[in-house]
């Protein structure tokens, strides 16, 4: 993803969840997705989806049974 997209997503997550510790980071060698962190802890992936001229982003987070 482009730096402008990462910045917009970063602002969106911080604003939506009211947490300034959330950070969106670029993925090495991947340009269709980014990573979301809470401090140093990896939370999940944000995928860019372009379909029929419409742009959206999908957030995917795995929750391990032992974390429940």
N, C-alpha and C. Protein backbone atom coordinates (compact mmCIF):
# COMPACT_ATOMS: atom_id res chain seq x y z
N UNK A 1 0.84 -1.18 0.00
CA UNK A 1 0.00 0.00 0.00
C UNK A 1 0.88 1.24 0.00
N UNK A 2 0.31 2.30 -0.50
CA UNK A 2 1.04 3.57 -0.56
C UNK A 2 1.09 4.20 0.83
N UNK A 3 2.12 5.01 1.08
CA UNK A 3 2.24 5.68 2.39
C UNK A 3 1.00 6.49 2.78
N UNK A 4 0.33 7.12 1.80
CA UNK A 4 -0.87 7.89 2.11
C UNK A 4 -2.00 6.99 2.63
N UNK A 5 -2.12 5.79 2.04
CA UNK A 5 -3.13 4.83 2.49
C UNK A 5 -2.84 4.37 3.90
N UNK A 6 -1.58 4.06 4.18
CA UNK A 6 -1.19 3.61 5.51
C UNK A 6 -1.51 4.68 6.55
N UNK A 7 -1.25 5.92 6.21
CA UNK A 7 -1.51 7.04 7.13
C UNK A 7 -3.02 7.18 7.40
N UNK A 8 -3.84 7.08 6.35
CA UNK A 8 -5.29 7.18 6.51
C UNK A 8 -5.83 6.03 7.35
N UNK A 9 -5.34 4.81 7.09
CA UNK A 9 -5.78 3.65 7.86
C UNK A 9 -5.34 3.77 9.32
N UNK A 10 -4.12 4.24 9.54
CA UNK A 10 -3.61 4.44 10.89
C UNK A 10 -4.52 5.39 11.66
N UNK A 11 -4.86 6.51 11.04
CA UNK A 11 -5.76 7.49 11.67
C UNK A 11 -7.14 6.90 11.93
N UNK A 12 -7.64 6.13 10.97
CA UNK A 12 -8.96 5.51 11.11
C UNK A 12 -9.01 4.58 12.32
N UNK A 13 -8.03 3.69 12.44
CA UNK A 13 -8.03 2.73 13.56
C UNK A 13 -7.88 3.45 14.90
N UNK A 14 -7.00 4.43 14.98
CA UNK A 14 -6.81 5.17 16.22
C UNK A 14 -8.10 5.90 16.63
N UNK A 15 -8.75 6.52 15.66
CA UNK A 15 -9.98 7.28 15.92
C UNK A 15 -11.14 6.33 16.27
N UNK A 16 -11.30 5.27 15.50
CA UNK A 16 -12.42 4.35 15.68
C UNK A 16 -12.36 3.63 17.02
N UNK A 17 -11.17 3.17 17.41
CA UNK A 17 -11.03 2.42 18.65
C UNK A 17 -10.53 3.27 19.82
N UNK A 18 -10.32 4.57 19.58
CA UNK A 18 -9.91 5.47 20.64
C UNK A 18 -8.62 5.07 21.33
N UNK A 19 -7.67 4.58 20.53
CA UNK A 19 -6.42 4.09 21.10
C UNK A 19 -5.24 4.54 20.25
N UNK A 20 -4.42 5.41 20.80
CA UNK A 20 -3.26 5.94 20.06
C UNK A 20 -2.11 4.94 19.97
N UNK A 21 -2.23 3.80 20.67
CA UNK A 21 -1.18 2.77 20.62
C UNK A 21 -1.31 1.89 19.37
N UNK A 22 -2.42 1.99 18.65
CA UNK A 22 -2.60 1.22 17.41
C UNK A 22 -1.74 1.84 16.31
N UNK A 23 -1.07 0.97 15.54
CA UNK A 23 -0.20 1.43 14.47
C UNK A 23 -0.36 0.54 13.24
N UNK A 24 -0.53 1.15 12.09
CA UNK A 24 -0.58 0.43 10.82
C UNK A 24 0.80 0.50 10.18
N UNK A 25 1.33 -0.67 9.81
CA UNK A 25 2.66 -0.74 9.22
C UNK A 25 2.62 -1.46 7.88
N UNK A 26 3.50 -1.05 6.98
CA UNK A 26 3.62 -1.72 5.68
C UNK A 26 4.19 -3.12 5.88
N UNK A 27 3.80 -4.03 5.00
CA UNK A 27 4.35 -5.39 5.03
C UNK A 27 5.53 -5.48 4.08
N UNK A 28 6.59 -6.13 4.51
CA UNK A 28 7.74 -6.30 3.60
C UNK A 28 7.34 -7.17 2.40
N UNK A 29 7.70 -6.74 1.24
CA UNK A 29 7.49 -7.47 -0.02
C UNK A 29 6.03 -7.71 -0.38
N UNK A 30 5.10 -6.99 0.26
CA UNK A 30 3.67 -7.10 -0.07
C UNK A 30 3.12 -5.69 -0.23
N UNK A 31 2.39 -5.46 -1.31
CA UNK A 31 1.83 -4.12 -1.51
C UNK A 31 0.30 -4.10 -1.51
N UNK A 32 -0.32 -5.26 -1.23
CA UNK A 32 -1.78 -5.33 -1.22
C UNK A 32 -2.35 -5.42 0.19
N UNK A 33 -1.48 -5.30 1.20
CA UNK A 33 -1.93 -5.43 2.58
C UNK A 33 -0.99 -4.70 3.53
N UNK A 34 -1.45 -4.56 4.77
CA UNK A 34 -0.66 -3.91 5.83
C UNK A 34 -0.90 -4.68 7.12
N UNK A 35 -0.12 -4.36 8.15
CA UNK A 35 -0.24 -5.02 9.44
C UNK A 35 -0.72 -4.02 10.49
N UNK A 36 -1.54 -4.49 11.42
CA UNK A 36 -2.00 -3.65 12.53
C UNK A 36 -1.37 -4.15 13.82
N UNK A 37 -0.82 -3.21 14.60
CA UNK A 37 -0.16 -3.53 15.87
C UNK A 37 -0.79 -2.72 17.00
N UNK A 38 -0.76 -3.29 18.19
CA UNK A 38 -1.08 -2.58 19.41
C UNK A 38 0.22 -2.57 20.21
N UNK A 39 0.90 -1.44 20.18
CA UNK A 39 2.25 -1.39 20.73
C UNK A 39 3.14 -2.29 19.88
N UNK A 40 3.76 -3.29 20.51
CA UNK A 40 4.61 -4.25 19.79
C UNK A 40 3.88 -5.53 19.42
N UNK A 41 2.60 -5.64 19.81
CA UNK A 41 1.85 -6.87 19.59
C UNK A 41 1.10 -6.83 18.26
N UNK A 42 1.37 -7.83 17.42
CA UNK A 42 0.70 -7.96 16.14
C UNK A 42 -0.76 -8.34 16.37
N UNK A 43 -1.68 -7.60 15.74
CA UNK A 43 -3.11 -7.89 15.88
C UNK A 43 -3.71 -8.57 14.67
N UNK A 44 -3.32 -8.14 13.47
CA UNK A 44 -3.92 -8.72 12.28
C UNK A 44 -3.49 -8.02 11.01
N UNK A 45 -4.12 -8.44 9.92
CA UNK A 45 -3.79 -7.92 8.60
C UNK A 45 -4.94 -7.10 8.04
N UNK A 46 -4.59 -6.07 7.28
CA UNK A 46 -5.56 -5.24 6.59
C UNK A 46 -5.31 -5.45 5.09
N UNK A 47 -6.31 -5.97 4.40
CA UNK A 47 -6.19 -6.24 2.98
C UNK A 47 -6.91 -5.18 2.16
N UNK A 48 -6.28 -4.77 1.09
CA UNK A 48 -6.86 -3.81 0.15
C UNK A 48 -7.65 -4.60 -0.90
N UNK A 49 -8.89 -4.18 -1.16
CA UNK A 49 -9.75 -4.87 -2.10
C UNK A 49 -10.32 -3.88 -3.11
N UNK A 50 -9.92 -4.04 -4.36
CA UNK A 50 -10.47 -3.21 -5.44
C UNK A 50 -11.32 -4.09 -6.34
N UNK A 51 -12.62 -3.76 -6.43
CA UNK A 51 -13.54 -4.56 -7.22
C UNK A 51 -14.49 -3.64 -7.97
N UNK A 52 -14.49 -3.76 -9.27
CA UNK A 52 -15.36 -2.97 -10.14
C UNK A 52 -15.28 -1.48 -9.84
N UNK A 53 -14.06 -1.00 -9.64
CA UNK A 53 -13.83 0.42 -9.43
C UNK A 53 -14.08 0.90 -8.00
N UNK A 54 -14.52 0.01 -7.12
CA UNK A 54 -14.76 0.38 -5.72
C UNK A 54 -13.60 -0.13 -4.86
N UNK A 55 -13.17 0.70 -3.92
CA UNK A 55 -12.05 0.37 -3.04
C UNK A 55 -12.56 0.17 -1.62
N UNK A 56 -12.11 -0.93 -1.01
CA UNK A 56 -12.44 -1.18 0.40
C UNK A 56 -11.24 -1.86 1.05
N UNK A 57 -11.29 -1.92 2.37
CA UNK A 57 -10.22 -2.56 3.14
C UNK A 57 -10.86 -3.56 4.08
N UNK A 58 -10.26 -4.73 4.20
CA UNK A 58 -10.76 -5.79 5.08
C UNK A 58 -9.73 -6.08 6.16
N UNK A 59 -10.19 -6.09 7.42
CA UNK A 59 -9.31 -6.37 8.54
C UNK A 59 -9.54 -7.81 8.97
N UNK A 60 -8.46 -8.58 9.10
CA UNK A 60 -8.53 -9.98 9.50
C UNK A 60 -7.67 -10.21 10.73
N UNK A 61 -8.30 -10.76 11.79
CA UNK A 61 -7.59 -11.00 13.04
C UNK A 61 -7.89 -12.42 13.52
N UNK A 62 -6.86 -13.20 13.75
CA UNK A 62 -7.02 -14.53 14.30
C UNK A 62 -7.02 -14.44 15.82
N UNK A 63 -7.91 -15.20 16.46
CA UNK A 63 -7.98 -15.23 17.92
C UNK A 63 -7.70 -16.67 18.36
N UNK A 64 -6.61 -16.85 19.06
CA UNK A 64 -6.23 -18.16 19.52
C UNK A 64 -7.08 -18.59 20.72
N UNK A 65 -7.43 -19.86 20.79
CA UNK A 65 -8.24 -20.39 21.87
C UNK A 65 -7.62 -20.11 23.24
N UNK A 66 -6.30 -20.20 23.31
CA UNK A 66 -5.63 -20.00 24.60
C UNK A 66 -5.69 -18.53 25.06
N UNK A 67 -6.04 -17.60 24.16
CA UNK A 67 -6.16 -16.19 24.52
C UNK A 67 -7.54 -15.83 25.06
N UNK A 68 -8.49 -16.76 24.93
CA UNK A 68 -9.86 -16.48 25.39
C UNK A 68 -10.00 -16.68 26.88
